[in-house]
Amino acid sequence: FEPLASLVVGVGGSAPRTGHRVHWIQDGPELIGRMTEALRRAGHYAYLETYIYEDGDAGRALREELTAAARRGVEVRVLC
């Protein structure tokens, strides 16, 4: 993932840090599944940044998980 890390740094992002994991996800259903699972495991905070948010099945699933996390006391922030 070194070329990807260089690209992220080149466009002004942070370099990956030791101990972090990178997963290559190629389709929407897998992405939504991983995101909802991460939201279910969130204990302190859940930050979501996205360019596109649509009110379809995937958008509703994420909204429900974000809402459930907030109700559990998780700090939830969304940037679209």
C-alpha atoms as a PDB file:
ATOM      1  CA  PHE A   1       0.000   0.000   0.000  1.00  0.00           C
ATOM      2  CA  GLU A   2       3.033   2.283  -0.198  1.00  0.00           C
ATOM      3  CA  PRO A   3       1.886   4.018  -3.437  1.00  0.00           C
ATOM      4  CA  LEU A   4      -1.511   4.673  -1.882  1.00  0.00           C
ATOM      5  CA  ALA A   5       0.106   6.133   1.235  1.00  0.00           C
ATOM      6  CA  SER A   6       2.241   8.425  -0.931  1.00  0.00           C
ATOM      7  CA  LEU A   7      -0.846   9.596  -2.804  1.00  0.00           C
ATOM      8  CA  VAL A   8      -2.679  10.401   0.431  1.00  0.00           C
ATOM      9  CA  VAL A   9       0.281  12.375   1.782  1.00  0.00           C
ATOM     10  CA  GLY A  10       0.675  14.153  -1.577  1.00  0.00           C
ATOM     11  CA  VAL A  11      -2.863  15.529  -1.521  1.00  0.00           C
ATOM     12  CA  GLY A  12      -2.450  16.896   1.977  1.00  0.00           C
ATOM     13  CA  GLY A  13      -3.500  13.930   4.056  1.00  0.00           C
ATOM     14  CA  SER A  14      -1.795  12.274   6.977  1.00  0.00           C
ATOM     15  CA  ALA A  15       0.631   9.442   6.482  1.00  0.00           C
ATOM     16  CA  PRO A  16      -0.516   6.024   7.727  1.00  0.00           C
ATOM     17  CA  ARG A  17       0.823   5.274  11.182  1.00  0.00           C
ATOM     18  CA  THR A  18       2.377   2.150  12.546  1.00  0.00           C
ATOM     19  CA  GLY A  19      -0.213  -0.259  13.894  1.00  0.00           C
ATOM     20  CA  HIS A  20      -3.020   0.889  11.617  1.00  0.00           C
ATOM     21  CA  ARG A  21      -4.562  -1.503   9.143  1.00  0.00           C
ATOM     22  CA  VAL A  22      -5.529  -0.860   5.559  1.00  0.00           C
ATOM     23  CA  HIS A  23      -8.262  -2.846   3.802  1.00  0.00           C
ATOM     24  CA  TRP A  24      -8.849  -2.630   0.076  1.00  0.00           C
ATOM     25  CA  ILE A  25     -12.613  -2.628  -0.475  1.00  0.00           C
ATOM     26  CA  GLN A  26     -13.892  -2.921  -4.017  1.00  0.00           C
ATOM     27  CA  ASP A  27     -17.672  -2.868  -3.703  1.00  0.00           C
ATOM     28  CA  GLY A  28     -20.399  -0.930  -1.937  1.00  0.00           C
ATOM     29  CA  PRO A  29     -22.043  -3.761  -0.001  1.00  0.00           C
ATOM     30  CA  GLU A  30     -18.732  -4.773   1.584  1.00  0.00           C
ATOM     31  CA  LEU A  31     -18.008  -1.142   2.471  1.00  0.00           C
ATOM     32  CA  ILE A  32     -21.402  -0.628   4.108  1.00  0.00           C
ATOM     33  CA  GLY A  33     -21.055  -3.912   5.992  1.00  0.00           C
ATOM     34  CA  ARG A  34     -17.651  -2.947   7.369  1.00  0.00           C
ATOM     35  CA  MET A  35     -18.828   0.541   8.268  1.00  0.00           C
ATOM     36  CA  THR A  36     -21.938  -0.648  10.103  1.00  0.00           C
ATOM     37  CA  GLU A  37     -19.900  -3.242  11.989  1.00  0.00           C
ATOM     38  CA  ALA A  38     -17.389  -0.574  13.036  1.00  0.00           C
ATOM     39  CA  LEU A  39     -20.241   1.651  14.224  1.00  0.00           C
ATOM     40  CA  ARG A  40     -21.661  -1.212  16.293  1.00  0.00           C
ATOM     41  CA  ARG A  41     -18.264  -1.630  17.987  1.00  0.00           C
ATOM     42  CA  ALA A  42     -17.731   2.107  18.608  1.00  0.00           C
ATOM     43  CA  GLY A  43     -17.347   2.873  22.274  1.00  0.00           C
ATOM     44  CA  HIS A  44     -16.265   6.511  22.505  1.00  0.00           C
ATOM     45  CA  TYR A  45     -16.547   8.231  19.133  1.00  0.00           C
ATOM     46  CA  ALA A  46     -17.664   7.649  15.546  1.00  0.00           C
ATOM     47  CA  TYR A  47     -16.650  10.146  12.873  1.00  0.00           C
ATOM     48  CA  LEU A  48     -17.914   9.733   9.325  1.00  0.00           C
ATOM     49  CA  GLU A  49     -16.623  11.830   6.440  1.00  0.00           C
ATOM     50  CA  THR A  50     -18.119  11.258   3.014  1.00  0.00           C
ATOM     51  CA  TYR A  51     -18.530  13.079  -0.273  1.00  0.00           C
ATOM     52  CA  ILE A  52     -21.819  11.431  -1.155  1.00  0.00           C
ATOM     53  CA  TYR A  53     -24.698  10.497   1.119  1.00  0.00           C
ATOM     54  CA  GLU A  54     -27.924   9.222  -0.394  1.00  0.00           C
ATOM     55  CA  ASP A  55     -31.126   8.232   1.358  1.00  0.00           C
ATOM     56  CA  GLY A  56     -31.212   4.730  -0.116  1.00  0.00           C
ATOM     57  CA  ASP A  57     -30.799   1.384   1.624  1.00  0.00           C
ATOM     58  CA  ALA A  58     -27.117   1.995   2.389  1.00  0.00           C
ATOM     59  CA  GLY A  59     -27.697   5.552   3.611  1.00  0.00           C
ATOM     60  CA  ARG A  60     -30.530   4.467   5.868  1.00  0.00           C
ATOM     61  CA  ALA A  61     -28.431   1.606   7.289  1.00  0.00           C
ATOM     62  CA  LEU A  62     -25.628   4.017   8.157  1.00  0.00           C
ATOM     63  CA  ARG A  63     -28.056   6.558   9.618  1.00  0.00           C
ATOM     64  CA  GLU A  64     -29.610   3.875  11.841  1.00  0.00           C
ATOM     65  CA  GLU A  65     -26.209   2.733  13.111  1.00  0.00           C
ATOM     66  CA  LEU A  66     -25.051   6.307  13.724  1.00  0.00           C
ATOM     67  CA  THR A  67     -28.261   7.026  15.631  1.00  0.00           C
ATOM     68  CA  ALA A  68     -27.909   3.833  17.688  1.00  0.00           C
ATOM     69  CA  ALA A  69     -24.310   4.726  18.525  1.00  0.00           C
ATOM     70  CA  ALA A  70     -25.336   8.226  19.656  1.00  0.00           C
ATOM     71  CA  ARG A  71     -28.050   6.733  21.861  1.00  0.00           C
ATOM     72  CA  ARG A  72     -25.377   4.526  23.495  1.00  0.00           C
ATOM     73  CA  GLY A  73     -23.462   7.684  24.394  1.00  0.00           C
ATOM     74  CA  VAL A  74     -20.948   7.559  21.544  1.00  0.00           C
ATOM     75  CA  GLU A  75     -19.861  10.973  20.241  1.00  0.00           C
ATOM     76  CA  VAL A  76     -21.057  10.965  16.630  1.00  0.00           C
ATOM     77  CA  ARG A  77     -19.977  13.491  13.993  1.00  0.00           C
ATOM     78  CA  VAL A  78     -20.775  13.457  10.289  1.00  0.00           C
ATOM     79  CA  LEU A  79     -19.142  15.616   7.619  1.00  0.00           C
ATOM     80  CA  CYS A  80     -20.659  15.470   4.118  1.00  0.00           C
END
